[in-house]
Structure formats: C-alpha cells, structure tokens
Amino acid sequence: AVVQGLASPWGGSALMNLYGYWRLIPFIGSVIPCGFVAELTPQGAALWLQVIPMKSRGLVTTERVAGVPPIPCFLSQLLLKVPNDGVVEADAAALAGGTNVPGPELGECHA
C-alpha cells in the first residue's frame, strides 16, 4: 500500500450532519470539536470519492476501529450506528476499492 488509513472517514461522519445545530444544542460543539468540514458529511464524502479512481483506491489500506470512547465522545454513541469509534461508523471507515483490513479492531477509539 502507498497510503494507510486508520479510522479514516472515507464514507464521512454522520456527526458532520449535526454541525448546523451546534448553537441550538450546546453539547454538539464538544462532540464535534474539529468544526464543520463539508467533505466529511456522508454526502460530501460520496461526492469527493467520485473523483478518486478505483485504481488509485487500490493503493490504500484501511483499518477500522471501534470501542468505548472517552468523554466527551460518549455522547456520539447516541448518534452513530454501532460499531463506531466515537466519530466514524465502522462501515464509513472502509474504502470501496481499497484494501480493507478485516475488522473493526475492537477496544479502540478515534479520539
């Protein structure tokens, strides 16, 4: 592999869809500390991946993790499908066309 990814949000993070609500729900800022990135929404990631050829994706190895995240990520468990790493659902960390290590590796957290 030329590129290796660990818990990379190739399919986006459902948490990014909530960013617009951060003023209405005070804890959203603690769940999404990195701020809003349009390409990290599931829809934005899908658009971004359209320009990455399958041949190039074949040069990427990904590994997914899942576990019980530390505070404040525990709040994200209410919003994400299980298994997840506190930020990215395990399915969204796999890259179509890439070499995806079987998993997820349990007991690990994104944050």
PDB file of N, CA and C in Angstrom:
ATOM      1  N   ALA A   1       0.839  -1.190   0.000  1.00  0.00           N
ATOM      2  CA  ALA A   1       0.000   0.000   0.000  1.00  0.00           C
ATOM      3  C   ALA A   1       0.879   1.245   0.000  1.00  0.00           C
ATOM      4  N   VAL A   2       0.439   2.233  -0.699  1.00  0.00           N
ATOM      5  CA  VAL A   2       1.132   3.514  -0.732  1.00  0.00           C
ATOM      6  C   VAL A   2       0.598   4.414   0.384  1.00  0.00           C
ATOM      7  N   VAL A   3      -0.703   4.294   0.688  1.00  0.00           N
ATOM      8  CA  VAL A   3      -1.350   5.085   1.730  1.00  0.00           C
ATOM      9  C   VAL A   3      -2.011   4.130   2.708  1.00  0.00           C
ATOM     10  N   GLN A   4      -1.854   4.414   3.988  1.00  0.00           N
ATOM     11  CA  GLN A   4      -2.518   3.618   5.004  1.00  0.00           C
ATOM     12  C   GLN A   4      -3.397   4.542   5.831  1.00  0.00           C
ATOM     13  N   GLY A   5      -4.636   4.110   6.083  1.00  0.00           N
ATOM     14  CA  GLY A   5      -5.569   4.914   6.866  1.00  0.00           C
ATOM     15  C   GLY A   5      -6.048   4.148   8.077  1.00  0.00           C
ATOM     16  N   LEU A   6      -6.114   4.814   9.207  1.00  0.00           N
ATOM     17  CA  LEU A   6      -6.637   4.225  10.427  1.00  0.00           C
ATOM     18  C   LEU A   6      -7.810   5.087  10.875  1.00  0.00           C
ATOM     19  N   ALA A   7      -8.998   4.494  10.887  1.00  0.00           N
ATOM     20  CA  ALA A   7     -10.215   5.202  11.294  1.00  0.00           C
ATOM     21  C   ALA A   7     -10.466   6.433  10.423  1.00  0.00           C
ATOM     22  N   SER A   8     -10.085   6.364   9.164  1.00  0.00           N
ATOM     23  CA  SER A   8     -10.302   7.481   8.250  1.00  0.00           C
ATOM     24  C   SER A   8     -11.759   7.498   7.801  1.00  0.00           C
ATOM     25  N   PRO A   9     -12.387   8.655   7.786  1.00  0.00           N
ATOM     26  CA  PRO A   9     -13.805   8.723   7.432  1.00  0.00           C
ATOM     27  C   PRO A   9     -14.051   8.759   5.927  1.00  0.00           C
ATOM     28  N   TRP A  10     -13.655   7.711   5.215  1.00  0.00           N
ATOM     29  CA  TRP A  10     -13.834   7.671   3.760  1.00  0.00           C
ATOM     30  C   TRP A  10     -15.295   7.875   3.374  1.00  0.00           C
ATOM     31  N   GLY A  11     -16.197   7.340   4.176  1.00  0.00           N
ATOM     32  CA  GLY A  11     -17.630   7.487   3.902  1.00  0.00           C
ATOM     33  C   GLY A  11     -18.268   8.638   4.648  1.00  0.00           C
ATOM     34  N   GLY A  12     -17.456   9.484   5.258  1.00  0.00           N
ATOM     35  CA  GLY A  12     -17.972  10.614   6.010  1.00  0.00           C
ATOM     36  C   GLY A  12     -18.376  10.231   7.423  1.00  0.00           C
ATOM     37  N   SER A  13     -18.759  11.210   8.182  1.00  0.00           N
ATOM     38  CA  SER A  13     -19.225  11.002   9.553  1.00  0.00           C
ATOM     39  C   SER A  13     -20.614  11.607   9.695  1.00  0.00           C
ATOM     40  N   ALA A  14     -21.530  10.806  10.195  1.00  0.00           N
ATOM     41  CA  ALA A  14     -22.891  11.291  10.413  1.00  0.00           C
ATOM     42  C   ALA A  14     -22.912  12.475  11.374  1.00  0.00           C
ATOM     43  N   LEU A  15     -21.895  12.597  12.215  1.00  0.00           N
ATOM     44  CA  LEU A  15     -21.840  13.726  13.153  1.00  0.00           C
ATOM     45  C   LEU A  15     -21.742  15.058  12.421  1.00  0.00           C
ATOM     46  N   MET A  16     -21.126  15.073  11.245  1.00  0.00           N
ATOM     47  CA  MET A  16     -20.997  16.324  10.499  1.00  0.00           C
ATOM     48  C   MET A  16     -22.359  16.856  10.056  1.00  0.00           C
ATOM     49  N   ASN A  17     -23.343  15.974   9.906  1.00  0.00           N
ATOM     50  CA  ASN A  17     -24.688  16.426   9.546  1.00  0.00           C
ATOM     51  C   ASN A  17     -25.326  17.245  10.666  1.00  0.00           C
ATOM     52  N   LEU A  18     -24.827  17.096  11.884  1.00  0.00           N
ATOM     53  CA  LEU A  18     -25.395  17.799  13.037  1.00  0.00           C
ATOM     54  C   LEU A  18     -24.763  19.153  13.293  1.00  0.00           C
ATOM     55  N   TYR A  19     -23.725  19.477  12.585  1.00  0.00           N
ATOM     56  CA  TYR A  19     -22.967  20.676  12.915  1.00  0.00           C
ATOM     57  C   TYR A  19     -23.816  21.944  12.881  1.00  0.00           C
ATOM     58  N   GLY A  20     -24.788  22.006  12.008  1.00  0.00           N
ATOM     59  CA  GLY A  20     -25.642  23.190  11.916  1.00  0.00           C
ATOM     60  C   GLY A  20     -26.470  23.443  13.163  1.00  0.00           C
ATOM     61  N   TYR A  21     -26.569  22.440  14.015  1.00  0.00           N
ATOM     62  CA  TYR A  21     -27.365  22.572  15.225  1.00  0.00           C
ATOM     63  C   TYR A  21     -26.536  22.976  16.444  1.00  0.00           C
ATOM     64  N   TRP A  22     -25.241  23.244  16.270  1.00  0.00           N
ATOM     65  CA  TRP A  22     -24.374  23.478  17.429  1.00  0.00           C
ATOM     66  C   TRP A  22     -24.827  24.638  18.295  1.00  0.00           C
ATOM     67  N   ARG A  23     -25.467  25.643  17.730  1.00  0.00           N
ATOM     68  CA  ARG A  23     -25.945  26.776  18.536  1.00  0.00           C
ATOM     69  C   ARG A  23     -27.212  26.417  19.306  1.00  0.00           C
ATOM     70  N   LEU A  24     -27.977  25.476  18.765  1.00  0.00           N
ATOM     71  CA  LEU A  24     -29.228  25.091  19.412  1.00  0.00           C
ATOM     72  C   LEU A  24     -29.019  24.056  20.506  1.00  0.00           C
ATOM     73  N   ILE A  25     -28.043  23.192  20.304  1.00  0.00           N
ATOM     74  CA  ILE A  25     -27.769  22.120  21.264  1.00  0.00           C
ATOM     75  C   ILE A  25     -26.337  22.305  21.753  1.00  0.00           C
ATOM     76  N   PRO A  26     -26.130  22.819  22.953  1.00  0.00           N
ATOM     77  CA  PRO A  26     -24.792  23.195  23.429  1.00  0.00           C
ATOM     78  C   PRO A  26     -23.742  22.090  23.369  1.00  0.00           C
ATOM     79  N   PHE A  27     -24.111  20.823  23.587  1.00  0.00           N
ATOM     80  CA  PHE A  27     -23.090  19.784  23.627  1.00  0.00           C
ATOM     81  C   PHE A  27     -22.553  19.396  22.254  1.00  0.00           C
ATOM     82  N   ILE A  28     -23.198  19.836  21.170  1.00  0.00           N
ATOM     83  CA  ILE A  28     -22.720  19.456  19.828  1.00  0.00           C
ATOM     84  C   ILE A  28     -21.280  19.912  19.624  1.00  0.00           C
ATOM     85  N   GLY A  29     -20.920  21.083  20.118  1.00  0.00           N
ATOM     86  CA  GLY A  29     -19.546  21.567  19.982  1.00  0.00           C
ATOM     87  C   GLY A  29     -18.532  20.652  20.631  1.00  0.00           C
ATOM     88  N   SER A  30     -18.911  19.982  21.709  1.00  0.00           N
ATOM     89  CA  SER A  30     -17.976  19.064  22.359  1.00  0.00           C
ATOM     90  C   SER A  30     -17.912  17.730  21.629  1.00  0.00           C
ATOM     91  N   VAL A  31     -18.976  17.386  20.913  1.00  0.00           N
ATOM     92  CA  VAL A  31     -18.984  16.132  20.143  1.00  0.00           C
ATOM     93  C   VAL A  31     -18.218  16.317  18.844  1.00  0.00           C
ATOM     94  N   ILE A  32     -18.254  17.508  18.276  1.00  0.00           N
ATOM     95  CA  ILE A  32     -17.594  17.802  17.003  1.00  0.00           C
ATOM     96  C   ILE A  32     -16.568  18.910  17.236  1.00  0.00           C
ATOM     97  N   PRO A  33     -15.473  18.608  17.932  1.00  0.00           N
ATOM     98  CA  PRO A  33     -14.511  19.654  18.270  1.00  0.00           C
ATOM     99  C   PRO A  33     -13.711  20.171  17.080  1.00  0.00           C
ATOM    100  N   CYS A  34     -13.684  19.431  15.973  1.00  0.00           N
ATOM    101  CA  CYS A  34     -12.840  19.847  14.840  1.00  0.00           C
ATOM    102  C   CYS A  34     -13.523  20.871  13.956  1.00  0.00           C
ATOM    103  N   GLY A  35     -14.802  21.157  14.188  1.00  0.00           N
ATOM    104  CA  GLY A  35     -15.520  22.089  13.339  1.00  0.00           C
ATOM    105  C   GLY A  35     -16.101  21.395  12.125  1.00  0.00           C
ATOM    106  N   PHE A  36     -16.839  22.146  11.342  1.00  0.00           N
ATOM    107  CA  PHE A  36     -17.551  21.588  10.187  1.00  0.00           C
ATOM    108  C   PHE A  36     -16.651  21.499   8.964  1.00  0.00           C
ATOM    109  N   VAL A  37     -16.681  20.356   8.307  1.00  0.00           N
ATOM    110  CA  VAL A  37     -15.972  20.148   7.051  1.00  0.00           C
ATOM    111  C   VAL A  37     -16.975  19.470   6.118  1.00  0.00           C
ATOM    112  N   ALA A  38     -17.426  20.184   5.083  1.00  0.00           N
ATOM    113  CA  ALA A  38     -18.475  19.674   4.202  1.00  0.00           C
ATOM    114  C   ALA A  38     -18.117  18.322   3.598  1.00  0.00           C
ATOM    115  N   GLU A  39     -16.840  18.118   3.264  1.00  0.00           N
ATOM    116  CA  GLU A  39     -16.420  16.863   2.651  1.00  0.00           C
ATOM    117  C   GLU A  39     -16.488  15.696   3.630  1.00  0.00           C
ATOM    118  N   LEU A  40     -16.677  15.972   4.918  1.00  0.00           N
ATOM    119  CA  LEU A  40     -16.769  14.904   5.906  1.00  0.00           C
ATOM    120  C   LEU A  40     -18.203  14.520   6.246  1.00  0.00           C
ATOM    121  N   THR A  41     -19.187  15.174   5.623  1.00  0.00           N
ATOM    122  CA  THR A  41     -20.550  14.674   5.744  1.00  0.00           C
ATOM    123  C   THR A  41     -20.624  13.428   4.863  1.00  0.00           C
ATOM    124  N   PRO A  42     -21.540  12.512   5.118  1.00  0.00           N
ATOM    125  CA  PRO A  42     -21.662  11.355   4.223  1.00  0.00           C
ATOM    126  C   PRO A  42     -21.890  11.766   2.760  1.00  0.00           C
ATOM    127  N   GLN A  43     -22.674  12.805   2.540  1.00  0.00           N
ATOM    128  CA  GLN A  43     -22.942  13.271   1.183  1.00  0.00           C
ATOM    129  C   GLN A  43     -21.697  13.891   0.556  1.00  0.00           C
ATOM    130  N   GLY A  44     -20.977  14.692   1.324  1.00  0.00           N
ATOM    131  CA  GLY A  44     -19.751  15.323   0.819  1.00  0.00           C
ATOM    132  C   GLY A  44     -18.674  14.306   0.521  1.00  0.00           C
ATOM    133  N   ALA A  45     -18.548  13.294   1.388  1.00  0.00           N
ATOM    134  CA  ALA A  45     -17.555  12.243   1.155  1.00  0.00           C
ATOM    135  C   ALA A  45     -17.871  11.473  -0.121  1.00  0.00           C
ATOM    136  N   ALA A  46     -19.141  11.194  -0.351  1.00  0.00           N
ATOM    137  CA  ALA A  46     -19.532  10.470  -1.568  1.00  0.00           C
ATOM    138  C   ALA A  46     -19.163  11.266  -2.821  1.00  0.00           C
ATOM    139  N   LEU A  47     -19.387  12.576  -2.791  1.00  0.00           N
ATOM    140  CA  LEU A  47     -19.014  13.420  -3.930  1.00  0.00           C
ATOM    141  C   LEU A  47     -17.505  13.448  -4.120  1.00  0.00           C
ATOM    142  N   TRP A  48     -16.766  13.569  -3.025  1.00  0.00           N
ATOM    143  CA  TRP A  48     -15.303  13.612  -3.090  1.00  0.00           C
ATOM    144  C   TRP A  48     -14.750  12.307  -3.648  1.00  0.00           C
ATOM    145  N   LEU A  49     -15.313  11.175  -3.202  1.00  0.00           N
ATOM    146  CA  LEU A  49     -14.814   9.876  -3.657  1.00  0.00           C
ATOM    147  C   LEU A  49     -15.080   9.627  -5.139  1.00  0.00           C
ATOM    148  N   GLN A  50     -16.061  10.321  -5.718  1.00  0.00           N
ATOM    149  CA  GLN A  50     -16.357  10.147  -7.144  1.00  0.00           C
ATOM    150  C   GLN A  50     -15.174  10.521  -8.023  1.00  0.00           C
ATOM    151  N   VAL A  51     -14.301  11.394  -7.548  1.00  0.00           N
ATOM    152  CA  VAL A  51     -13.167  11.825  -8.362  1.00  0.00           C
ATOM    153  C   VAL A  51     -11.906  10.999  -8.083  1.00  0.00           C
ATOM    154  N   ILE A  52     -11.987  10.028  -7.167  1.00  0.00           N
ATOM    155  CA  ILE A  52     -10.838   9.172  -6.861  1.00  0.00           C
ATOM    156  C   ILE A  52     -11.007   7.868  -7.634  1.00  0.00           C
ATOM    157  N   PRO A  53     -10.175   7.622  -8.640  1.00  0.00           N
ATOM    158  CA  PRO A  53     -10.333   6.404  -9.446  1.00  0.00           C
ATOM    159  C   PRO A  53     -10.113   5.132  -8.620  1.00  0.00           C
ATOM    160  N   MET A  54     -10.800   4.069  -9.002  1.00  0.00           N
ATOM    161  CA  MET A  54     -10.656   2.781  -8.316  1.00  0.00           C
ATOM    162  C   MET A  54      -9.202   2.307  -8.331  1.00  0.00           C
ATOM    163  N   LYS A  55      -8.483   2.579  -9.417  1.00  0.00           N
ATOM    164  CA  LYS A  55      -7.077   2.176  -9.487  1.00  0.00           C
ATOM    165  C   LYS A  55      -6.276   2.828  -8.360  1.00  0.00           C
ATOM    166  N   SER A  56      -6.551   4.092  -8.091  1.00  0.00           N
ATOM    167  CA  SER A  56      -5.858   4.795  -7.011  1.00  0.00           C
ATOM    168  C   SER A  56      -6.301   4.284  -5.647  1.00  0.00           C
ATOM    169  N   ARG A  57      -7.567   3.978  -5.509  1.00  0.00           N
ATOM    170  CA  ARG A  57      -8.066   3.452  -4.237  1.00  0.00           C
ATOM    171  C   ARG A  57      -7.406   2.120  -3.896  1.00  0.00           C
ATOM    172  N   GLY A  58      -7.027   1.369  -4.923  1.00  0.00           N
ATOM    173  CA  GLY A  58      -6.363   0.097  -4.706  1.00  0.00           C
ATOM    174  C   GLY A  58      -5.008   0.241  -4.029  1.00  0.00           C
ATOM    175  N   LEU A  59      -4.463   1.438  -3.988  1.00  0.00           N
ATOM    176  CA  LEU A  59      -3.183   1.694  -3.334  1.00  0.00           C
ATOM    177  C   LEU A  59      -3.337   2.031  -1.852  1.00  0.00           C
ATOM    178  N   VAL A  60      -4.584   2.011  -1.372  1.00  0.00           N
ATOM    179  CA  VAL A  60      -4.880   2.405   0.010  1.00  0.00           C
ATOM    180  C   VAL A  60      -5.255   1.181   0.843  1.00  0.00           C
ATOM    181  N   THR A  61      -4.671   1.079   2.023  1.00  0.00           N
ATOM    182  CA  THR A  61      -5.050   0.061   3.002  1.00  0.00           C
ATOM    183  C   THR A  61      -5.702   0.782   4.172  1.00  0.00           C
ATOM    184  N   THR A  62      -6.862   0.307   4.574  1.00  0.00           N
ATOM    185  CA  THR A  62      -7.564   0.934   5.686  1.00  0.00           C
ATOM    186  C   THR A  62      -7.756  -0.055   6.823  1.00  0.00           C
ATOM    187  N   GLU A  63      -7.795   0.473   8.025  1.00  0.00           N
ATOM    188  CA  GLU A  63      -8.116  -0.315   9.202  1.00  0.00           C
ATOM    189  C   GLU A  63      -9.165   0.444   9.992  1.00  0.00           C
ATOM    190  N   ARG A  64     -10.177  -0.273  10.429  1.00  0.00           N
ATOM    191  CA  ARG A  64     -11.276   0.337  11.177  1.00  0.00           C
ATOM    192  C   ARG A  64     -11.147  -0.017  12.648  1.00  0.00           C
ATOM    193  N   VAL A  65     -11.566   0.909  13.503  1.00  0.00           N
ATOM    194  CA  VAL A  65     -11.530   0.670  14.946  1.00  0.00           C
ATOM    195  C   VAL A  65     -12.915   0.936  15.519  1.00  0.00           C
ATOM    196  N   ALA A  66     -13.187   0.348  16.668  1.00  0.00           N
ATOM    197  CA  ALA A  66     -14.451   0.575  17.361  1.00  0.00           C
ATOM    198  C   ALA A  66     -14.252   0.282  18.834  1.00  0.00           C
ATOM    199  N   GLY A  67     -14.869   1.057  19.655  1.00  0.00           N
ATOM    200  CA  GLY A  67     -14.753   0.823  21.079  1.00  0.00           C
ATOM    201  C   GLY A  67     -15.541   1.821  21.867  1.00  0.00           C
ATOM    202  N   VAL A  68     -15.323   1.820  23.137  1.00  0.00           N
ATOM    203  CA  VAL A  68     -15.993   2.765  24.024  1.00  0.00           C
ATOM    204  C   VAL A  68     -15.108   3.996  24.124  1.00  0.00           C
ATOM    205  N   PRO A  69     -15.552   5.098  23.529  1.00  0.00           N
ATOM    206  CA  PRO A  69     -14.723   6.296  23.529  1.00  0.00           C
ATOM    207  C   PRO A  69     -14.737   7.011  24.878  1.00  0.00           C
ATOM    208  N   PRO A  70     -13.731   7.824  25.116  1.00  0.00           N
ATOM    209  CA  PRO A  70     -13.689   8.612  26.357  1.00  0.00           C
ATOM    210  C   PRO A  70     -14.651   9.796  26.275  1.00  0.00           C
ATOM    211  N   ILE A  71     -14.887  10.408  27.398  1.00  0.00           N
ATOM    212  CA  ILE A  71     -15.666  11.641  27.436  1.00  0.00           C
ATOM    213  C   ILE A  71     -14.884  12.687  26.654  1.00  0.00           C
ATOM    214  N   PRO A  72     -15.444  13.541  25.778  1.00  0.00           N
ATOM    215  CA  PRO A  72     -16.861  13.755  25.577  1.00  0.00           C
ATOM    216  C   PRO A  72     -17.454  12.908  24.467  1.00  0.00           C
ATOM    217  N   CYS A  73     -16.678  12.049  23.851  1.00  0.00           N
ATOM    218  CA  CYS A  73     -17.183  11.285  22.707  1.00  0.00           C
ATOM    219  C   CYS A  73     -18.299  10.314  23.063  1.00  0.00           C
ATOM    220  N   PHE A  74     -18.488  10.034  24.343  1.00  0.00           N
ATOM    221  CA  PHE A  74     -19.547   9.097  24.702  1.00  0.00           C
ATOM    222  C   PHE A  74     -20.899   9.578  24.198  1.00  0.00           C
ATOM    223  N   LEU A  75     -21.073  10.907  24.059  1.00  0.00           N
ATOM    224  CA  LEU A  75     -22.332  11.442  23.549  1.00  0.00           C
ATOM    225  C   LEU A  75     -22.587  10.999  22.109  1.00  0.00           C
ATOM    226  N   SER A  76     -21.522  10.804  21.354  1.00  0.00           N
ATOM    227  CA  SER A  76     -21.688  10.406  19.961  1.00  0.00           C
ATOM    228  C   SER A  76     -22.274   9.002  19.838  1.00  0.00           C
ATOM    229  N   GLN A  77     -22.153   8.197  20.883  1.00  0.00           N
ATOM    230  CA  GLN A  77     -22.721   6.848  20.847  1.00  0.00           C
ATOM    231  C   GLN A  77     -24.234   6.896  20.673  1.00  0.00           C
ATOM    232  N   LEU A  78     -24.844   7.980  21.082  1.00  0.00           N
ATOM    233  CA  LEU A  78     -26.284   8.142  20.922  1.00  0.00           C
ATOM    234  C   LEU A  78     -26.663   8.463  19.483  1.00  0.00           C
ATOM    235  N   LEU A  79     -25.688   8.900  18.690  1.00  0.00           N
ATOM    236  CA  LEU A  79     -25.966   9.401  17.352  1.00  0.00           C
ATOM    237  C   LEU A  79     -25.435   8.525  16.229  1.00  0.00           C
ATOM    238  N   LEU A  80     -24.513   7.630  16.528  1.00  0.00           N
ATOM    239  CA  LEU A  80     -23.872   6.811  15.500  1.00  0.00           C
ATOM    240  C   LEU A  80     -24.323   5.360  15.577  1.00  0.00           C
ATOM    241  N   LYS A  81     -24.306   4.687  14.411  1.00  0.00           N
ATOM    242  CA  LYS A  81     -24.569   3.247  14.396  1.00  0.00           C
ATOM    243  C   LYS A  81     -23.398   2.517  15.043  1.00  0.00           C
ATOM    244  N   VAL A  82     -23.688   1.426  15.703  1.00  0.00           N
ATOM    245  CA  VAL A  82     -22.665   0.571  16.319  1.00  0.00           C
ATOM    246  C   VAL A  82     -22.312  -0.517  15.320  1.00  0.00           C
ATOM    247  N   PRO A  83     -21.029  -0.839  15.137  1.00  0.00           N
ATOM    248  CA  PRO A  83     -19.857  -0.335  15.846  1.00  0.00           C
ATOM    249  C   PRO A  83     -19.363   0.990  15.262  1.00  0.00           C
ATOM    250  N   ASN A  84     -18.738   1.772  16.120  1.00  0.00           N
ATOM    251  CA  ASN A  84     -18.144   3.038  15.708  1.00  0.00           C
ATOM    252  C   ASN A  84     -16.969   3.338  16.632  1.00  0.00           C
ATOM    253  N   ASP A  85     -16.214   4.355  16.262  1.00  0.00           N
ATOM    254  CA  ASP A  85     -15.042   4.713  17.073  1.00  0.00           C
ATOM    255  C   ASP A  85     -15.242   6.011  17.842  1.00  0.00           C
ATOM    256  N   GLY A  86     -16.479   6.454  17.912  1.00  0.00           N
ATOM    257  CA  GLY A  86     -16.789   7.704  18.589  1.00  0.00           C
ATOM    258  C   GLY A  86     -16.943   8.872  17.651  1.00  0.00           C
ATOM    259  N   VAL A  87     -16.444   8.732  16.425  1.00  0.00           N
ATOM    260  CA  VAL A  87     -16.548   9.784  15.422  1.00  0.00           C
ATOM    261  C   VAL A  87     -17.019   9.214  14.084  1.00  0.00           C
ATOM    262  N   VAL A  88     -16.520   8.044  13.728  1.00  0.00           N
ATOM    263  CA  VAL A  88     -16.803   7.433  12.432  1.00  0.00           C
ATOM    264  C   VAL A  88     -17.414   6.052  12.645  1.00  0.00           C
ATOM    265  N   GLU A  89     -18.529   5.796  11.958  1.00  0.00           N
ATOM    266  CA  GLU A  89     -19.103   4.457  11.985  1.00  0.00           C
ATOM    267  C   GLU A  89     -18.163   3.521  11.244  1.00  0.00           C
ATOM    268  N   ALA A  90     -18.009   2.305  11.749  1.00  0.00           N
ATOM    269  CA  ALA A  90     -17.037   1.365  11.180  1.00  0.00           C
ATOM    270  C   ALA A  90     -17.236   1.172   9.679  1.00  0.00           C
ATOM    271  N   ASP A  91     -18.473   1.089   9.218  1.00  0.00           N
ATOM    272  CA  ASP A  91     -18.728   0.918   7.791  1.00  0.00           C
ATOM    273  C   ASP A  91     -18.204   2.098   6.977  1.00  0.00           C
ATOM    274  N   ALA A  92     -18.274   3.308   7.536  1.00  0.00           N
ATOM    275  CA  ALA A  92     -17.831   4.507   6.827  1.00  0.00           C
ATOM    276  C   ALA A  92     -16.311   4.631   6.789  1.00  0.00           C
ATOM    277  N   ALA A  93     -15.603   3.817   7.576  1.00  0.00           N
ATOM    278  CA  ALA A  93     -14.141   3.858   7.568  1.00  0.00           C
ATOM    279  C   ALA A  93     -13.553   2.891   6.546  1.00  0.00           C
ATOM    280  N   ALA A  94     -14.404   2.118   5.875  1.00  0.00           N
ATOM    281  CA  ALA A  94     -13.934   1.235   4.806  1.00  0.00           C
ATOM    282  C   ALA A  94     -13.934   2.017   3.491  1.00  0.00           C
ATOM    283  N   LEU A  95     -12.994   1.729   2.633  1.00  0.00           N
ATOM    284  CA  LEU A  95     -12.880   2.413   1.347  1.00  0.00           C
ATOM    285  C   LEU A  95     -13.206   1.442   0.221  1.00  0.00           C
ATOM    286  N   ALA A  96     -14.259   1.718  -0.515  1.00  0.00           N
ATOM    287  CA  ALA A  96     -14.607   0.887  -1.668  1.00  0.00           C
ATOM    288  C   ALA A  96     -13.451   0.903  -2.659  1.00  0.00           C
ATOM    289  N   GLY A  97     -12.970  -0.271  -3.025  1.00  0.00           N
ATOM    290  CA  GLY A  97     -11.851  -0.377  -3.954  1.00  0.00           C
ATOM    291  C   GLY A  97     -10.501  -0.440  -3.268  1.00  0.00           C
ATOM    292  N   GLY A  98     -10.467  -0.147  -1.973  1.00  0.00           N
ATOM    293  CA  GLY A  98      -9.222  -0.211  -1.210  1.00  0.00           C
ATOM    294  C   GLY A  98      -9.055  -1.577  -0.572  1.00  0.00           C
ATOM    295  N   THR A  99      -7.930  -1.781   0.080  1.00  0.00           N
ATOM    296  CA  THR A  99      -7.694  -2.994   0.847  1.00  0.00           C
ATOM    297  C   THR A  99      -8.125  -2.696   2.279  1.00  0.00           C
ATOM    298  N   ASN A 100      -9.254  -3.265   2.669  1.00  0.00           N
ATOM    299  CA  ASN A 100      -9.808  -3.020   3.997  1.00  0.00           C
ATOM    300  C   ASN A 100      -9.458  -4.183   4.904  1.00  0.00           C
ATOM    301  N   VAL A 101      -8.662  -3.915   5.929  1.00  0.00           N
ATOM    302  CA  VAL A 101      -8.283  -4.941   6.897  1.00  0.00           C
ATOM    303  C   VAL A 101      -9.566  -5.402   7.584  1.00  0.00           C
ATOM    304  N   PRO A 102      -9.766  -6.721   7.704  1.00  0.00           N
ATOM    305  CA  PRO A 102     -10.983  -7.187   8.383  1.00  0.00           C
ATOM    306  C   PRO A 102     -11.060  -6.605   9.778  1.00  0.00           C
ATOM    307  N   GLY A 103     -12.245  -6.309  10.187  1.00  0.00           N
ATOM    308  CA  GLY A 103     -12.398  -5.699  11.493  1.00  0.00           C
ATOM    309  C   GLY A 103     -13.818  -5.235  11.678  1.00  0.00           C
ATOM    310  N   PRO A 104     -14.051  -4.321  12.545  1.00  0.00           N
ATOM    311  CA  PRO A 104     -13.095  -3.385  13.132  1.00  0.00           C
ATOM    312  C   PRO A 104     -12.304  -3.956  14.282  1.00  0.00           C
ATOM    313  N   GLU A 105     -11.176  -3.313  14.572  1.00  0.00           N
ATOM    314  CA  GLU A 105     -10.370  -3.631  15.757  1.00  0.00           C
ATOM    315  C   GLU A 105     -11.131  -3.083  16.954  1.00  0.00           C
ATOM    316  N   LEU A 106     -11.527  -3.960  17.841  1.00  0.00           N
ATOM    317  CA  LEU A 106     -12.361  -3.538  18.968  1.00  0.00           C
ATOM    318  C   LEU A 106     -11.532  -2.991  20.115  1.00  0.00           C
ATOM    319  N   GLY A 107     -12.132  -2.125  20.897  1.00  0.00           N
ATOM    320  CA  GLY A 107     -11.479  -1.566  22.072  1.00  0.00           C
ATOM    321  C   GLY A 107     -10.689  -0.308  21.811  1.00  0.00           C
ATOM    322  N   GLU A 108     -10.784   0.238  20.617  1.00  0.00           N
ATOM    323  CA  GLU A 108     -10.052   1.451  20.261  1.00  0.00           C
ATOM    324  C   GLU A 108     -11.034   2.584  19.971  1.00  0.00           C
ATOM    325  N   CYS A 109     -10.557   3.796  20.074  1.00  0.00           N
ATOM    326  CA  CYS A 109     -11.398   4.969  19.861  1.00  0.00           C
ATOM    327  C   CYS A 109     -10.718   5.928  18.898  1.00  0.00           C
ATOM    328  N   HIS A 110     -11.505   6.649  18.130  1.00  0.00           N
ATOM    329  CA  HIS A 110     -10.980   7.609  17.167  1.00  0.00           C
ATOM    330  C   HIS A 110     -10.276   8.774  17.873  1.00  0.00           C
ATOM    331  N   ALA A 111     -10.864   9.234  18.945  1.00  0.00           N
ATOM    332  CA  ALA A 111     -10.339  10.428  19.631  1.00  0.00           C
ATOM    333  C   ALA A 111      -9.211  10.086  20.583  1.00  0.00           C
TER     334      ALA A 111
END
